[in-house]
Amino acid sequence: EVDDPRVWAADATQGDPVARLRFYGRH
């Protein structure tokens, strides 16, 4: 499960939803 970037903004602590999706995409 990951955050939808349309709903959850990037956060310095909880991370960037778009970067998170890219991370999983690379894997």
PDB file of all heavy atoms in Angstrom:
ATOM      1  N   GLU A   1       0.856  -1.190   0.000  1.00  0.00           N
ATOM      2  CA  GLU A   1       0.000   0.000   0.000  1.00  0.00           C
ATOM      3  C   GLU A   1       0.890   1.237   0.000  1.00  0.00           C
ATOM      4  O   GLU A   1       1.860   1.303   0.756  1.00  0.00           O
ATOM      5  CB  GLU A   1      -0.873   0.036   1.254  1.00  0.00           C
ATOM      6  CG  GLU A   1      -1.719  -1.201   1.489  1.00  0.00           C
ATOM      7  CD  GLU A   1      -2.157  -1.301   2.938  1.00  0.00           C
ATOM      8  OE1 GLU A   1      -1.270  -1.209   3.832  1.00  0.00           O
ATOM      9  OE2 GLU A   1      -3.355  -1.484   3.193  1.00  0.00           O
ATOM     10  N   VAL A   2       0.538   2.227  -0.831  1.00  0.00           N
ATOM     11  CA  VAL A   2       1.292   3.478  -0.851  1.00  0.00           C
ATOM     12  C   VAL A   2       0.323   4.651  -0.952  1.00  0.00           C
ATOM     13  O   VAL A   2      -0.827   4.495  -1.356  1.00  0.00           O
ATOM     14  CB  VAL A   2       2.291   3.527  -2.028  1.00  0.00           C
ATOM     15  CG1 VAL A   2       3.374   2.483  -1.871  1.00  0.00           C
ATOM     16  CG2 VAL A   2       1.578   3.363  -3.358  1.00  0.00           C
ATOM     17  N   ASP A   3       0.812   5.820  -0.596  1.00  0.00           N
ATOM     18  CA  ASP A   3      -0.004   7.036  -0.682  1.00  0.00           C
ATOM     19  C   ASP A   3      -0.248   7.432  -2.129  1.00  0.00           C
ATOM     20  O   ASP A   3       0.649   7.352  -2.975  1.00  0.00           O
ATOM     21  CB  ASP A   3       0.700   8.201   0.017  1.00  0.00           C
ATOM     22  CG  ASP A   3       0.707   8.070   1.528  1.00  0.00           C
ATOM     23  OD1 ASP A   3      -0.021   7.213   2.061  1.00  0.00           O
ATOM     24  OD2 ASP A   3       1.451   8.836   2.179  1.00  0.00           O
ATOM     25  N   ASP A   4      -1.449   7.899  -2.405  1.00  0.00           N
ATOM     26  CA  ASP A   4      -1.781   8.498  -3.693  1.00  0.00           C
ATOM     27  C   ASP A   4      -1.294   9.949  -3.669  1.00  0.00           C
ATOM     28  O   ASP A   4      -1.727  10.739  -2.825  1.00  0.00           O
ATOM     29  CB  ASP A   4      -3.296   8.445  -3.910  1.00  0.00           C
ATOM     30  CG  ASP A   4      -3.723   8.918  -5.294  1.00  0.00           C
ATOM     31  OD1 ASP A   4      -3.016   9.742  -5.899  1.00  0.00           O
ATOM     32  OD2 ASP A   4      -4.791   8.478  -5.751  1.00  0.00           O
ATOM     33  N   PRO A   5      -0.382  10.333  -4.570  1.00  0.00           N
ATOM     34  CA  PRO A   5       0.142  11.711  -4.550  1.00  0.00           C
ATOM     35  C   PRO A   5      -0.921  12.776  -4.743  1.00  0.00           C
ATOM     36  O   PRO A   5      -0.691  13.942  -4.401  1.00  0.00           O
ATOM     37  CB  PRO A   5       1.147  11.724  -5.702  1.00  0.00           C
ATOM     38  CG  PRO A   5       1.537  10.294  -5.896  1.00  0.00           C
ATOM     39  CD  PRO A   5       0.300   9.510  -5.594  1.00  0.00           C
ATOM     40  N   ARG A   6      -2.074  12.412  -5.288  1.00  0.00           N
ATOM     41  CA  ARG A   6      -3.151  13.388  -5.453  1.00  0.00           C
ATOM     42  C   ARG A   6      -3.808  13.736  -4.131  1.00  0.00           C
ATOM     43  O   ARG A   6      -4.484  14.761  -4.017  1.00  0.00           O
ATOM     44  CB  ARG A   6      -4.210  12.846  -6.427  1.00  0.00           C
ATOM     45  CG  ARG A   6      -3.721  12.656  -7.848  1.00  0.00           C
ATOM     46  CD  ARG A   6      -4.731  11.899  -8.683  1.00  0.00           C
ATOM     47  NE  ARG A   6      -4.903  10.521  -8.216  1.00  0.00           N
ATOM     48  CZ  ARG A   6      -5.710   9.627  -8.800  1.00  0.00           C
ATOM     49  NH1 ARG A   6      -6.414   9.981  -9.873  1.00  0.00           N
ATOM     50  NH2 ARG A   6      -5.800   8.394  -8.336  1.00  0.00           N
ATOM     51  N   VAL A   7      -3.612  12.895  -3.141  1.00  0.00           N
ATOM     52  CA  VAL A   7      -4.276  13.080  -1.839  1.00  0.00           C
ATOM     53  C   VAL A   7      -3.281  13.491  -0.757  1.00  0.00           C
ATOM     54  O   VAL A   7      -3.583  14.330   0.089  1.00  0.00           O
ATOM     55  CB  VAL A   7      -5.009  11.786  -1.426  1.00  0.00           C
ATOM     56  CG1 VAL A   7      -5.655  11.935  -0.046  1.00  0.00           C
ATOM     57  CG2 VAL A   7      -6.062  11.404  -2.470  1.00  0.00           C
ATOM     58  N   TRP A   8      -2.087  12.902  -0.790  1.00  0.00           N
ATOM     59  CA  TRP A   8      -1.102  13.129   0.264  1.00  0.00           C
ATOM     60  C   TRP A   8       0.103  13.880  -0.300  1.00  0.00           C
ATOM     61  O   TRP A   8       0.749  13.416  -1.233  1.00  0.00           O
ATOM     62  CB  TRP A   8      -0.650  11.801   0.864  1.00  0.00           C
ATOM     63  CG  TRP A   8      -1.788  10.980   1.379  1.00  0.00           C
ATOM     64  CD1 TRP A   8      -2.375   9.908   0.769  1.00  0.00           C
ATOM     65  CD2 TRP A   8      -2.492  11.176   2.604  1.00  0.00           C
ATOM     66  NE1 TRP A   8      -3.392   9.415   1.539  1.00  0.00           N
ATOM     67  CE2 TRP A   8      -3.497  10.170   2.671  1.00  0.00           C
ATOM     68  CE3 TRP A   8      -2.376  12.098   3.654  1.00  0.00           C
ATOM     69  CZ2 TRP A   8      -4.375  10.077   3.749  1.00  0.00           C
ATOM     70  CZ3 TRP A   8      -3.244  11.989   4.731  1.00  0.00           C
ATOM     71  CH2 TRP A   8      -4.222  11.001   4.765  1.00  0.00           C
ATOM     72  N   ALA A   9       0.394  15.028   0.268  1.00  0.00           N
ATOM     73  CA  ALA A   9       1.522  15.845  -0.178  1.00  0.00           C
ATOM     74  C   ALA A   9       2.836  15.294   0.362  1.00  0.00           C
ATOM     75  O   ALA A   9       2.865  14.551   1.345  1.00  0.00           O
ATOM     76  CB  ALA A   9       1.330  17.288   0.288  1.00  0.00           C
ATOM     77  N   ALA A  10       3.922  15.669  -0.297  1.00  0.00           N
ATOM     78  CA  ALA A  10       5.247  15.291   0.182  1.00  0.00           C
ATOM     79  C   ALA A  10       5.479  15.890   1.555  1.00  0.00           C
ATOM     80  O   ALA A  10       5.052  17.011   1.853  1.00  0.00           O
ATOM     81  CB  ALA A  10       6.318  15.776  -0.784  1.00  0.00           C
ATOM     82  N   ASP A  11       6.165  15.130   2.393  1.00  0.00           N
ATOM     83  CA  ASP A  11       6.403  15.537   3.772  1.00  0.00           C
ATOM     84  C   ASP A  11       7.847  15.215   4.120  1.00  0.00           C
ATOM     85  O   ASP A  11       8.369  14.165   3.747  1.00  0.00           O
ATOM     86  CB  ASP A  11       5.438  14.781   4.710  1.00  0.00           C
ATOM     87  CG  ASP A  11       5.638  15.142   6.157  1.00  0.00           C
ATOM     88  OD1 ASP A  11       6.493  14.505   6.811  1.00  0.00           O
ATOM     89  OD2 ASP A  11       4.949  16.056   6.650  1.00  0.00           O
ATOM     90  N   ALA A  12       8.494  16.116   4.848  1.00  0.00           N
ATOM     91  CA  ALA A  12       9.910  15.939   5.154  1.00  0.00           C
ATOM     92  C   ALA A  12      10.161  14.686   5.971  1.00  0.00           C
ATOM     93  O   ALA A  12      11.226  14.057   5.869  1.00  0.00           O
ATOM     94  CB  ALA A  12      10.438  17.164   5.907  1.00  0.00           C
ATOM     95  N   THR A  13       9.187  14.276   6.796  1.00  0.00           N
ATOM     96  CA  THR A  13       9.352  13.098   7.637  1.00  0.00           C
ATOM     97  C   THR A  13       8.801  11.847   6.971  1.00  0.00           C
ATOM     98  O   THR A  13       9.457  10.808   6.918  1.00  0.00           O
ATOM     99  CB  THR A  13       8.662  13.311   9.000  1.00  0.00           C
ATOM    100  OG1 THR A  13       9.232  14.441   9.646  1.00  0.00           O
ATOM    101  CG2 THR A  13       8.840  12.079   9.887  1.00  0.00           C
ATOM    102  N   GLN A  14       7.587  11.946   6.442  1.00  0.00           N
ATOM    103  CA  GLN A  14       6.920  10.769   5.901  1.00  0.00           C
ATOM    104  C   GLN A  14       7.232  10.513   4.433  1.00  0.00           C
ATOM    105  O   GLN A  14       6.834   9.496   3.889  1.00  0.00           O
ATOM    106  CB  GLN A  14       5.410  10.884   6.129  1.00  0.00           C
ATOM    107  CG  GLN A  14       5.061  10.882   7.612  1.00  0.00           C
ATOM    108  CD  GLN A  14       3.578  11.055   7.876  1.00  0.00           C
ATOM    109  OE1 GLN A  14       2.823  11.454   6.985  1.00  0.00           O
ATOM    110  NE2 GLN A  14       3.174  10.788   9.098  1.00  0.00           N
ATOM    111  N   GLY A  15       7.951  11.403   3.805  1.00  0.00           N
ATOM    112  CA  GLY A  15       8.446  11.150   2.461  1.00  0.00           C
ATOM    113  C   GLY A  15       7.594  11.734   1.359  1.00  0.00           C
ATOM    114  O   GLY A  15       6.573  12.378   1.583  1.00  0.00           O
ATOM    115  N   ASP A  16       8.025  11.487   0.142  1.00  0.00           N
ATOM    116  CA  ASP A  16       7.402  12.009  -1.066  1.00  0.00           C
ATOM    117  C   ASP A  16       6.666  10.865  -1.766  1.00  0.00           C
ATOM    118  O   ASP A  16       7.294   9.900  -2.212  1.00  0.00           O
ATOM    119  CB  ASP A  16       8.490  12.578  -1.973  1.00  0.00           C
ATOM    120  CG  ASP A  16       7.942  13.168  -3.264  1.00  0.00           C
ATOM    121  OD1 ASP A  16       6.751  12.964  -3.576  1.00  0.00           O
ATOM    122  OD2 ASP A  16       8.721  13.829  -3.975  1.00  0.00           O
ATOM    123  N   PRO A  17       5.326  10.932  -1.882  1.00  0.00           N
ATOM    124  CA  PRO A  17       4.590   9.838  -2.520  1.00  0.00           C
ATOM    125  C   PRO A  17       5.027   9.541  -3.947  1.00  0.00           C
ATOM    126  O   PRO A  17       5.023   8.381  -4.367  1.00  0.00           O
ATOM    127  CB  PRO A  17       3.139  10.327  -2.472  1.00  0.00           C
ATOM    128  CG  PRO A  17       3.085  11.250  -1.307  1.00  0.00           C
ATOM    129  CD  PRO A  17       4.421  11.939  -1.298  1.00  0.00           C
ATOM    130  N   VAL A  18       5.406  10.561  -4.712  1.00  0.00           N
ATOM    131  CA  VAL A  18       5.860  10.322  -6.084  1.00  0.00           C
ATOM    132  C   VAL A  18       7.200   9.585  -6.083  1.00  0.00           C
ATOM    133  O   VAL A  18       7.401   8.621  -6.836  1.00  0.00           O
ATOM    134  CB  VAL A  18       5.957  11.644  -6.866  1.00  0.00           C
ATOM    135  CG1 VAL A  18       6.559  11.402  -8.252  1.00  0.00           C
ATOM    136  CG2 VAL A  18       4.581  12.292  -6.997  1.00  0.00           C
ATOM    137  N   ALA A  19       8.121  10.004  -5.228  1.00  0.00           N
ATOM    138  CA  ALA A  19       9.413   9.313  -5.128  1.00  0.00           C
ATOM    139  C   ALA A  19       9.218   7.875  -4.664  1.00  0.00           C
ATOM    140  O   ALA A  19       9.924   6.960  -5.118  1.00  0.00           O
ATOM    141  CB  ALA A  19      10.328  10.057  -4.169  1.00  0.00           C
ATOM    142  N   ARG A  20       8.255   7.670  -3.780  1.00  0.00           N
ATOM    143  CA  ARG A  20       7.970   6.325  -3.287  1.00  0.00           C
ATOM    144  C   ARG A  20       7.502   5.423  -4.437  1.00  0.00           C
ATOM    145  O   ARG A  20       7.950   4.281  -4.579  1.00  0.00           O
ATOM    146  CB  ARG A  20       6.910   6.399  -2.198  1.00  0.00           C
ATOM    147  CG  ARG A  20       6.571   5.076  -1.538  1.00  0.00           C
ATOM    148  CD  ARG A  20       5.616   5.281  -0.370  1.00  0.00           C
ATOM    149  NE  ARG A  20       6.218   6.114   0.649  1.00  0.00           N
ATOM    150  CZ  ARG A  20       5.718   7.280   1.066  1.00  0.00           C
ATOM    151  NH1 ARG A  20       4.609   7.751   0.532  1.00  0.00           N
ATOM    152  NH2 ARG A  20       6.332   7.959   2.008  1.00  0.00           N
ATOM    153  N   LEU A  21       6.618   5.951  -5.276  1.00  0.00           N
ATOM    154  CA  LEU A  21       6.148   5.178  -6.417  1.00  0.00           C
ATOM    155  C   LEU A  21       7.294   4.860  -7.376  1.00  0.00           C
ATOM    156  O   LEU A  21       7.391   3.746  -7.902  1.00  0.00           O
ATOM    157  CB  LEU A  21       5.037   5.940  -7.142  1.00  0.00           C
ATOM    158  CG  LEU A  21       3.659   5.891  -6.464  1.00  0.00           C
ATOM    159  CD1 LEU A  21       2.771   7.022  -6.972  1.00  0.00           C
ATOM    160  CD2 LEU A  21       2.994   4.547  -6.715  1.00  0.00           C
ATOM    161  N   ARG A  22       8.172   5.825  -7.601  1.00  0.00           N
ATOM    162  CA  ARG A  22       9.323   5.584  -8.472  1.00  0.00           C
ATOM    163  C   ARG A  22      10.226   4.489  -7.890  1.00  0.00           C
ATOM    164  O   ARG A  22      10.757   3.642  -8.623  1.00  0.00           O
ATOM    165  CB  ARG A  22      10.116   6.866  -8.666  1.00  0.00           C
ATOM    166  CG  ARG A  22       9.400   7.911  -9.530  1.00  0.00           C
ATOM    167  CD  ARG A  22      10.180   9.204  -9.555  1.00  0.00           C
ATOM    168  NE  ARG A  22       9.507  10.224 -10.341  1.00  0.00           N
ATOM    169  CZ  ARG A  22       9.654  11.526 -10.160  1.00  0.00           C
ATOM    170  NH1 ARG A  22      10.483  11.977  -9.207  1.00  0.00           N
ATOM    171  NH2 ARG A  22       9.003  12.392 -10.909  1.00  0.00           N
ATOM    172  N   PHE A  23      10.412   4.527  -6.588  1.00  0.00           N
ATOM    173  CA  PHE A  23      11.229   3.510  -5.920  1.00  0.00           C
ATOM    174  C   PHE A  23      10.673   2.118  -6.199  1.00  0.00           C
ATOM    175  O   PHE A  23      11.391   1.207  -6.629  1.00  0.00           O
ATOM    176  CB  PHE A  23      11.270   3.783  -4.419  1.00  0.00           C
ATOM    177  CG  PHE A  23      11.848   2.671  -3.601  1.00  0.00           C
ATOM    178  CD1 PHE A  23      13.219   2.503  -3.496  1.00  0.00           C
ATOM    179  CD2 PHE A  23      11.015   1.779  -2.932  1.00  0.00           C
ATOM    180  CE1 PHE A  23      13.760   1.467  -2.737  1.00  0.00           C
ATOM    181  CE2 PHE A  23      11.546   0.744  -2.173  1.00  0.00           C
ATOM    182  CZ  PHE A  23      12.914   0.583  -2.079  1.00  0.00           C
ATOM    183  N   TYR A  24       9.377   1.948  -5.973  1.00  0.00           N
ATOM    184  CA  TYR A  24       8.787   0.627  -6.201  1.00  0.00           C
ATOM    185  C   TYR A  24       8.774   0.270  -7.683  1.00  0.00           C
ATOM    186  O   TYR A  24       8.927  -0.903  -8.038  1.00  0.00           O
ATOM    187  CB  TYR A  24       7.390   0.561  -5.580  1.00  0.00           C
ATOM    188  CG  TYR A  24       7.462   0.444  -4.076  1.00  0.00           C
ATOM    189  CD1 TYR A  24       7.141   1.519  -3.260  1.00  0.00           C
ATOM    190  CD2 TYR A  24       7.895  -0.725  -3.480  1.00  0.00           C
ATOM    191  CE1 TYR A  24       7.247   1.430  -1.878  1.00  0.00           C
ATOM    192  CE2 TYR A  24       8.008  -0.837  -2.106  1.00  0.00           C
ATOM    193  CZ  TYR A  24       7.681   0.245  -1.308  1.00  0.00           C
ATOM    194  OH  TYR A  24       7.804   0.144   0.046  1.00  0.00           O
ATOM    195  N   GLY A  25       8.593   1.264  -8.539  1.00  0.00           N
ATOM    196  CA  GLY A  25       8.652   1.009  -9.958  1.00  0.00           C
ATOM    197  C   GLY A  25      10.002   0.470 -10.379  1.00  0.00           C
ATOM    198  O   GLY A  25      10.103  -0.414 -11.240  1.00  0.00           O
ATOM    199  N   ARG A  26      11.072   0.994  -9.782  1.00  0.00           N
ATOM    200  CA  ARG A  26      12.411   0.501 -10.102  1.00  0.00           C
ATOM    201  C   ARG A  26      12.592  -0.952  -9.681  1.00  0.00           C
ATOM    202  O   ARG A  26      13.487  -1.641 -10.179  1.00  0.00           O
ATOM    203  CB  ARG A  26      13.481   1.365  -9.421  1.00  0.00           C
ATOM    204  CG  ARG A  26      13.619   2.751 -10.008  1.00  0.00           C
ATOM    205  CD  ARG A  26      14.913   3.413  -9.560  1.00  0.00           C
ATOM    206  NE  ARG A  26      14.997   3.616  -8.130  1.00  0.00           N
ATOM    207  CZ  ARG A  26      14.521   4.677  -7.480  1.00  0.00           C
ATOM    208  NH1 ARG A  26      13.878   5.626  -8.145  1.00  0.00           N
ATOM    209  NH2 ARG A  26      14.666   4.799  -6.169  1.00  0.00           N
ATOM    210  N   HIS A  27      11.759  -1.397  -8.769  1.00  0.00           N
ATOM    211  CA  HIS A  27      11.850  -2.775  -8.297  1.00  0.00           C
ATOM    212  C   HIS A  27      10.721  -3.640  -8.838  1.00  0.00           C
ATOM    213  O   HIS A  27      10.367  -4.659  -8.240  1.00  0.00           O
ATOM    214  CB  HIS A  27      11.895  -2.781  -6.769  1.00  0.00           C
ATOM    215  CG  HIS A  27      13.150  -2.179  -6.221  1.00  0.00           C
ATOM    216  ND1 HIS A  27      14.348  -2.864  -6.184  1.00  0.00           N
ATOM    217  CD2 HIS A  27      13.418  -0.936  -5.752  1.00  0.00           C
ATOM    218  CE1 HIS A  27      15.291  -2.071  -5.699  1.00  0.00           C
ATOM    219  NE2 HIS A  27      14.758  -0.904  -5.429  1.00  0.00           N
TER     220      HIS A  27
END
